[in-house]
PDB file of N, CA and C in Angstrom:
ATOM      1  N   UNK A   1       9.989 -15.897  18.305  1.00  0.00           N
ATOM      2  CA  UNK A   1      10.606 -15.088  17.500  1.00  0.00           C
ATOM      3  C   UNK A   1      11.585 -15.516  18.357  1.00  0.00           C
ATOM      4  N   UNK A   2      12.750 -15.801  17.429  1.00  0.00           N
ATOM      5  CA  UNK A   2      14.091 -16.341  17.660  1.00  0.00           C
ATOM      6  C   UNK A   2      14.615 -15.913  18.978  1.00  0.00           C
ATOM      7  N   UNK A   3      15.421 -15.883  19.351  1.00  0.00           N
ATOM      8  CA  UNK A   3      16.480 -15.114  20.613  1.00  0.00           C
ATOM      9  C   UNK A   3      16.715 -14.164  20.058  1.00  0.00           C
ATOM     10  N   UNK A   4      17.863 -14.237  18.736  1.00  0.00           N
ATOM     11  CA  UNK A   4      18.392 -13.012  18.005  1.00  0.00           C
ATOM     12  C   UNK A   4      17.773 -11.956  17.385  1.00  0.00           C
ATOM     13  N   UNK A   5      16.416 -12.404  16.885  1.00  0.00           N
ATOM     14  CA  UNK A   5      15.158 -11.456  16.440  1.00  0.00           C
ATOM     15  C   UNK A   5      14.992 -10.469  17.935  1.00  0.00           C
ATOM     16  N   UNK A   6      14.510 -11.804  18.944  1.00  0.00           N
ATOM     17  CA  UNK A   6      14.412 -10.543  19.896  1.00  0.00           C
ATOM     18  C   UNK A   6      15.363  -9.244  20.741  1.00  0.00           C
ATOM     19  N   UNK A   7      16.264  -9.938  20.137  1.00  0.00           N
ATOM     20  CA  UNK A   7      17.496  -8.776  20.821  1.00  0.00           C
ATOM     21  C   UNK A   7      17.716  -7.793  19.490  1.00  0.00           C
ATOM     22  N   UNK A   8      17.095  -8.155  18.497  1.00  0.00           N
ATOM     23  CA  UNK A   8      17.339  -7.289  17.612  1.00  0.00           C
ATOM     24  C   UNK A   8      15.986  -6.131  17.741  1.00  0.00           C
ATOM     25  N   UNK A   9      15.574  -6.239  17.737  1.00  0.00           N
ATOM     26  CA  UNK A   9      13.693  -5.626  18.277  1.00  0.00           C
ATOM     27  C   UNK A   9      14.059  -4.875  18.978  1.00  0.00           C
ATOM     28  N   UNK A  10      14.798  -5.152  20.058  1.00  0.00           N
ATOM     29  CA  UNK A  10      14.974  -4.542  21.790  1.00  0.00           C
ATOM     30  C   UNK A  10      15.751  -3.331  21.571  1.00  0.00           C
ATOM     31  N   UNK A  11      17.235  -3.668  20.522  1.00  0.00           N
ATOM     32  CA  UNK A  11      17.898  -2.506  20.261  1.00  0.00           C
ATOM     33  C   UNK A  11      17.097  -1.652  19.285  1.00  0.00           C
ATOM     34  N   UNK A  12      15.933  -2.131  17.778  1.00  0.00           N
ATOM     35  CA  UNK A  12      15.807  -1.610  17.451  1.00  0.00           C
ATOM     36  C   UNK A  12      14.572  -0.171  18.278  1.00  0.00           C
ATOM     37  N   UNK A  13      14.097  -0.584  19.256  1.00  0.00           N
ATOM     38  CA  UNK A  13      13.159  -0.178  20.300  1.00  0.00           C
ATOM     39  C   UNK A  13      13.657   0.850  21.044  1.00  0.00           C
ATOM     40  N   UNK A  14      15.249   1.005  20.520  1.00  0.00           N
ATOM     41  CA  UNK A  14      15.922   1.979  21.547  1.00  0.00           C
ATOM     42  C   UNK A  14      16.242   3.366  20.553  1.00  0.00           C
ATOM     43  N   UNK A  15      16.472   2.829  19.469  1.00  0.00           N
ATOM     44  CA  UNK A  15      16.482   3.961  18.626  1.00  0.00           C
ATOM     45  C   UNK A  15      15.357   5.147  18.598  1.00  0.00           C
ATOM     46  N   UNK A  16      15.614   6.696  17.915  1.00  0.00           N
ATOM     47  CA  UNK A  16      14.503   7.260  18.311  1.00  0.00           C
ATOM     48  C   UNK A  16      13.539   6.976  16.888  1.00  0.00           C
ATOM     49  N   UNK A  17      12.560   7.711  17.242  1.00  0.00           N
ATOM     50  CA  UNK A  17      11.300   7.147  15.991  1.00  0.00           C
ATOM     51  C   UNK A  17      11.737   7.368  14.710  1.00  0.00           C
ATOM     52  N   UNK A  18      12.632   8.728  14.586  1.00  0.00           N
ATOM     53  CA  UNK A  18      12.708   9.188  13.214  1.00  0.00           C
ATOM     54  C   UNK A  18      14.105   7.750  12.415  1.00  0.00           C
ATOM     55  N   UNK A  19      14.892   7.644  13.725  1.00  0.00           N
ATOM     56  CA  UNK A  19      15.426   6.135  13.080  1.00  0.00           C
ATOM     57  C   UNK A  19      14.850   4.844  12.457  1.00  0.00           C
ATOM     58  N   UNK A  20      13.763   4.737  13.687  1.00  0.00           N
ATOM     59  CA  UNK A  20      12.816   3.739  13.588  1.00  0.00           C
ATOM     60  C   UNK A  20      12.826   3.994  12.102  1.00  0.00           C
ATOM     61  N   UNK A  21      11.890   4.841  11.775  1.00  0.00           N
ATOM     62  CA  UNK A  21      11.443   5.156  10.463  1.00  0.00           C
ATOM     63  C   UNK A  21      11.575   5.093   9.346  1.00  0.00           C
ATOM     64  N   UNK A  22      13.167   5.166   9.467  1.00  0.00           N
ATOM     65  CA  UNK A  22      14.072   5.207   8.402  1.00  0.00           C
ATOM     66  C   UNK A  22      14.651   3.479   8.123  1.00  0.00           C
ATOM     67  N   UNK A  23      14.688   2.788   9.494  1.00  0.00           N
ATOM     68  CA  UNK A  23      14.979   1.720   9.279  1.00  0.00           C
ATOM     69  C   UNK A  23      13.567   1.006   8.785  1.00  0.00           C
ATOM     70  N   UNK A  24      12.408   1.306   9.045  1.00  0.00           N
ATOM     71  CA  UNK A  24      11.420   0.449   8.383  1.00  0.00           C
ATOM     72  C   UNK A  24      11.229   0.847   7.028  1.00  0.00           C
ATOM     73  N   UNK A  25      11.628   2.128   6.418  1.00  0.00           N
ATOM     74  CA  UNK A  25      11.560   2.409   5.115  1.00  0.00           C
ATOM     75  C   UNK A  25      12.418   1.119   4.203  1.00  0.00           C
ATOM     76  N   UNK A  26      13.589   1.195   5.214  1.00  0.00           N
ATOM     77  CA  UNK A  26      14.594   0.001   4.297  1.00  0.00           C
ATOM     78  C   UNK A  26      14.235  -0.979   4.121  1.00  0.00           C
ATOM     79  N   UNK A  27      13.581  -1.539   5.565  1.00  0.00           N
ATOM     80  CA  UNK A  27      13.117  -3.354   5.740  1.00  0.00           C
ATOM     81  C   UNK A  27      12.367  -3.214   4.575  1.00  0.00           C
ATOM     82  N   UNK A  28      11.117  -2.382   4.351  1.00  0.00           N
ATOM     83  CA  UNK A  28       9.995  -2.651   3.730  1.00  0.00           C
ATOM     84  C   UNK A  28      10.682  -2.475   1.995  1.00  0.00           C
ATOM     85  N   UNK A  29      11.771  -1.117   2.035  1.00  0.00           N
ATOM     86  CA  UNK A  29      11.771  -1.688   0.389  1.00  0.00           C
ATOM     87  C   UNK A  29      12.481  -2.813  -0.116  1.00  0.00           C
ATOM     88  N   UNK A  30      13.525  -3.498   1.141  1.00  0.00           N
ATOM     89  CA  UNK A  30      14.257  -4.933   0.984  1.00  0.00           C
ATOM     90  C   UNK A  30      12.985  -6.056   0.577  1.00  0.00           C
ATOM     91  N   UNK A  31      11.810  -5.597   1.256  1.00  0.00           N
ATOM     92  CA  UNK A  31      10.891  -6.536   0.897  1.00  0.00           C
ATOM     93  C   UNK A  31      10.041  -6.596  -0.807  1.00  0.00           C
ATOM     94  N   UNK A  32      10.879  -5.181  -1.185  1.00  0.00           N
ATOM     95  CA  UNK A  32       9.958  -5.059  -2.306  1.00  0.00           C
ATOM     96  C   UNK A  32       9.878  -5.880  -3.514  1.00  0.00           C
ATOM     97  N   UNK A  33       9.880  -7.112  -4.132  1.00  0.00           N
ATOM     98  CA  UNK A  33      10.103  -7.934  -4.822  1.00  0.00           C
ATOM     99  C   UNK A  33       9.918  -7.958  -6.201  1.00  0.00           C
ATOM    100  N   UNK A  34       9.183  -6.990  -6.535  1.00  0.00           N
ATOM    101  CA  UNK A  34       8.408  -6.365  -7.799  1.00  0.00           C
ATOM    102  C   UNK A  34       8.130  -4.728  -7.987  1.00  0.00           C
ATOM    103  N   UNK A  35       9.401  -3.917  -8.164  1.00  0.00           N
ATOM    104  CA  UNK A  35       9.285  -2.603  -8.048  1.00  0.00           C
ATOM    105  C   UNK A  35       8.478  -2.726  -9.917  1.00  0.00           C
ATOM    106  N   UNK A  36       8.526  -2.912 -10.631  1.00  0.00           N
ATOM    107  CA  UNK A  36       8.103  -2.779 -11.786  1.00  0.00           C
ATOM    108  C   UNK A  36       6.648  -2.658 -11.802  1.00  0.00           C
ATOM    109  N   UNK A  37       5.795  -3.771 -10.941  1.00  0.00           N
ATOM    110  CA  UNK A  37       4.682  -3.907 -10.750  1.00  0.00           C
ATOM    111  C   UNK A  37       4.334  -2.456 -10.310  1.00  0.00           C
ATOM    112  N   UNK A  38       5.038  -2.686  -8.938  1.00  0.00           N
ATOM    113  CA  UNK A  38       4.219  -1.303  -8.149  1.00  0.00           C
ATOM    114  C   UNK A  38       4.412  -0.205  -9.001  1.00  0.00           C
ATOM    115  N   UNK A  39       5.305   0.112  -9.926  1.00  0.00           N
ATOM    116  CA  UNK A  39       5.386   1.434 -10.666  1.00  0.00           C
ATOM    117  C   UNK A  39       3.835   1.545 -11.339  1.00  0.00           C
ATOM    118  N   UNK A  40       3.944   0.062 -12.061  1.00  0.00           N
ATOM    119  CA  UNK A  40       2.330  -0.066 -13.320  1.00  0.00           C
ATOM    120  C   UNK A  40       1.255   0.450 -12.283  1.00  0.00           C
ATOM    121  N   UNK A  41       1.115  -0.082 -11.444  1.00  0.00           N
ATOM    122  CA  UNK A  41      -0.037   0.374 -10.237  1.00  0.00           C
ATOM    123  C   UNK A  41      -0.222   1.494 -10.267  1.00  0.00           C
ATOM    124  N   UNK A  42       1.363   1.936  -9.536  1.00  0.00           N
ATOM    125  CA  UNK A  42       1.218   3.571  -8.977  1.00  0.00           C
ATOM    126  C   UNK A  42       0.850   4.247 -10.884  1.00  0.00           C
ATOM    127  N   UNK A  43       0.939   4.327 -11.528  1.00  0.00           N
ATOM    128  CA  UNK A  43       0.550   5.095 -12.690  1.00  0.00           C
ATOM    129  C   UNK A  43      -0.507   4.645 -13.217  1.00  0.00           C
ATOM    130  N   UNK A  44      -1.059   3.276 -13.178  1.00  0.00           N
ATOM    131  CA  UNK A  44      -2.557   3.127 -13.106  1.00  0.00           C
ATOM    132  C   UNK A  44      -3.453   3.999 -12.233  1.00  0.00           C
ATOM    133  N   UNK A  45      -3.231   3.496 -11.191  1.00  0.00           N
ATOM    134  CA  UNK A  45      -3.567   4.442  -9.998  1.00  0.00           C
ATOM    135  C   UNK A  45      -3.770   6.053  -9.823  1.00  0.00           C
ATOM    136  N   UNK A  46      -2.535   6.725 -10.845  1.00  0.00           N
ATOM    137  CA  UNK A  46      -2.922   8.301 -10.920  1.00  0.00           C
ATOM    138  C   UNK A  46      -3.387   8.762 -11.899  1.00  0.00           C
ATOM    139  N   UNK A  47      -3.663   7.299 -13.546  1.00  0.00           N
ATOM    140  CA  UNK A  47      -4.119   7.420 -14.353  1.00  0.00           C
ATOM    141  C   UNK A  47      -6.031   7.610 -13.737  1.00  0.00           C
ATOM    142  N   UNK A  48      -6.431   6.635 -12.763  1.00  0.00           N
ATOM    143  CA  UNK A  48      -7.721   6.734 -12.662  1.00  0.00           C
ATOM    144  C   UNK A  48      -7.930   7.783 -11.816  1.00  0.00           C
ATOM    145  N   UNK A  49      -7.108   8.132 -11.082  1.00  0.00           N
ATOM    146  CA  UNK A  49      -7.629   9.146 -10.098  1.00  0.00           C
ATOM    147  C   UNK A  49      -7.842  10.329 -11.241  1.00  0.00           C
ATOM    148  N   UNK A  50      -6.676  10.925 -11.422  1.00  0.00           N
ATOM    149  CA  UNK A  50      -6.683  11.741 -12.830  1.00  0.00           C
ATOM    150  C   UNK A  50      -8.721  11.598 -13.650  1.00  0.00           C
ATOM    151  N   UNK A  51      -8.692  10.591 -14.591  1.00  0.00           N
ATOM    152  CA  UNK A  51     -10.060  10.424 -15.068  1.00  0.00           C
ATOM    153  C   UNK A  51     -10.641  10.694 -13.716  1.00  0.00           C
ATOM    154  N   UNK A  52     -10.836  10.273 -12.672  1.00  0.00           N
ATOM    155  CA  UNK A  52     -11.794  10.744 -12.091  1.00  0.00           C
ATOM    156  C   UNK A  52     -12.577  11.939 -11.604  1.00  0.00           C
ATOM    157  N   UNK A  53     -11.362  12.774 -11.160  1.00  0.00           N
ATOM    158  CA  UNK A  53     -11.256  13.935 -11.448  1.00  0.00           C
ATOM    159  C   UNK A  53     -11.707  15.176 -12.233  1.00  0.00           C
ATOM    160  N   UNK A  54     -11.402  14.686 -13.482  1.00  0.00           N
ATOM    161  CA  UNK A  54     -11.929  15.104 -14.712  1.00  0.00           C
ATOM    162  C   UNK A  54     -13.211  15.012 -14.870  1.00  0.00           C
ATOM    163  N   UNK A  55     -14.056  13.729 -14.604  1.00  0.00           N
ATOM    164  CA  UNK A  55     -15.747  13.662 -15.100  1.00  0.00           C
ATOM    165  C   UNK A  55     -15.976  12.847 -13.596  1.00  0.00           C
ATOM    166  N   UNK A  56     -16.406  13.562 -12.186  1.00  0.00           N
ATOM    167  CA  UNK A  56     -16.635  13.310 -11.611  1.00  0.00           C
ATOM    168  C   UNK A  56     -18.284  12.563 -11.436  1.00  0.00           C
ATOM    169  N   UNK A  57     -19.033  12.869 -12.342  1.00  0.00           N
ATOM    170  CA  UNK A  57     -20.168  12.053 -12.476  1.00  0.00           C
ATOM    171  C   UNK A  57     -20.010  10.463 -12.916  1.00  0.00           C
ATOM    172  N   UNK A  58     -18.813  10.206 -13.636  1.00  0.00           N
ATOM    173  CA  UNK A  58     -18.694   8.980 -13.896  1.00  0.00           C
ATOM    174  C   UNK A  58     -18.274   8.189 -12.610  1.00  0.00           C
ATOM    175  N   UNK A  59     -17.870   8.756 -11.297  1.00  0.00           N
ATOM    176  CA  UNK A  59     -18.156   7.768 -10.116  1.00  0.00           C
ATOM    177  C   UNK A  59     -19.240   7.223  -9.936  1.00  0.00           C
ATOM    178  N   UNK A  60     -18.682   6.079  -8.915  1.00  0.00           N
ATOM    179  CA  UNK A  60     -20.074   5.179  -8.648  1.00  0.00           C
ATOM    180  C   UNK A  60     -19.333   4.663  -7.228  1.00  0.00           C
ATOM    181  N   UNK A  61     -20.900   5.186  -6.314  1.00  0.00           N
ATOM    182  CA  UNK A  61     -20.841   4.996  -4.880  1.00  0.00           C
ATOM    183  C   UNK A  61     -20.037   3.425  -4.671  1.00  0.00           C
ATOM    184  N   UNK A  62     -18.889   3.437  -3.725  1.00  0.00           N
ATOM    185  CA  UNK A  62     -19.053   2.061  -3.204  1.00  0.00           C
ATOM    186  C   UNK A  62     -20.008   1.250  -3.003  1.00  0.00           C
ATOM    187  N   UNK A  63     -21.217   1.520  -2.257  1.00  0.00           N
ATOM    188  CA  UNK A  63     -22.026  -0.091  -2.302  1.00  0.00           C
ATOM    189  C   UNK A  63     -23.000  -0.272  -3.244  1.00  0.00           C
ATOM    190  N   UNK A  64     -22.903   0.843  -4.397  1.00  0.00           N
ATOM    191  CA  UNK A  64     -23.673   0.870  -5.599  1.00  0.00           C
ATOM    192  C   UNK A  64     -22.769  -0.305  -6.304  1.00  0.00           C
ATOM    193  N   UNK A  65     -21.503  -0.304  -6.604  1.00  0.00           N
ATOM    194  CA  UNK A  65     -20.131  -0.345  -7.071  1.00  0.00           C
ATOM    195  C   UNK A  65     -20.959  -2.217  -6.797  1.00  0.00           C
ATOM    196  N   UNK A  66     -20.286  -1.983  -5.164  1.00  0.00           N
ATOM    197  CA  UNK A  66     -20.414  -3.694  -4.368  1.00  0.00           C
ATOM    198  C   UNK A  66     -22.086  -4.735  -5.403  1.00  0.00           C
ATOM    199  N   UNK A  67     -23.198  -3.687  -5.183  1.00  0.00           N
ATOM    200  CA  UNK A  67     -24.123  -3.783  -5.520  1.00  0.00           C
ATOM    201  C   UNK A  67     -23.870  -4.880  -7.299  1.00  0.00           C
ATOM    202  N   UNK A  68     -23.542  -3.824  -8.086  1.00  0.00           N
ATOM    203  CA  UNK A  68     -23.319  -4.303  -9.514  1.00  0.00           C
ATOM    204  C   UNK A  68     -22.062  -5.452  -9.661  1.00  0.00           C
ATOM    205  N   UNK A  69     -21.396  -5.591  -8.770  1.00  0.00           N
ATOM    206  CA  UNK A  69     -20.252  -6.969  -8.843  1.00  0.00           C
ATOM    207  C   UNK A  69     -21.208  -8.014  -8.138  1.00  0.00           C
ATOM    208  N   UNK A  70     -21.785  -7.834  -7.023  1.00  0.00           N
ATOM    209  CA  UNK A  70     -22.223  -9.160  -6.780  1.00  0.00           C
ATOM    210  C   UNK A  70     -23.594  -9.346  -7.637  1.00  0.00           C
ATOM    211  N   UNK A  71     -24.307  -8.703  -8.258  1.00  0.00           N
ATOM    212  CA  UNK A  71     -25.583  -8.992  -9.584  1.00  0.00           C
ATOM    213  C   UNK A  71     -24.933  -9.510 -10.723  1.00  0.00           C
ATOM    214  N   UNK A  72     -23.551  -9.068 -11.051  1.00  0.00           N
ATOM    215  CA  UNK A  72     -22.811  -9.346 -12.298  1.00  0.00           C
ATOM    216  C   UNK A  72     -22.341 -10.656 -12.085  1.00  0.00           C
ATOM    217  N   UNK A  73     -22.417 -11.755 -10.496  1.00  0.00           N
ATOM    218  CA  UNK A  73     -21.444 -12.718  -9.775  1.00  0.00           C
ATOM    219  C   UNK A  73     -22.846 -13.630  -9.819  1.00  0.00           C
ATOM    220  N   UNK A  74     -23.975 -13.448 -10.274  1.00  0.00           N
ATOM    221  CA  UNK A  74     -25.363 -14.164 -10.240  1.00  0.00           C
ATOM    222  C   UNK A  74     -25.528 -14.253  -8.562  1.00  0.00           C
TER     223      UNK A  74
END
């Protein structure tokens, strides 16, 4: 780490945990390069979650799903 980053880290660590959490949220938001992609992903995840809730019998246990994938790859 550069000296300026180290100094900043020391300042950040002096903040309260609530202030650090707010700062972390802002930093993460600044790194989010593709909000549209994330919104589409969240929508797809919500749709699949709703489908799973509507028909739990359609769910495949993780180990079985992995076995199917491995079998399909040969």
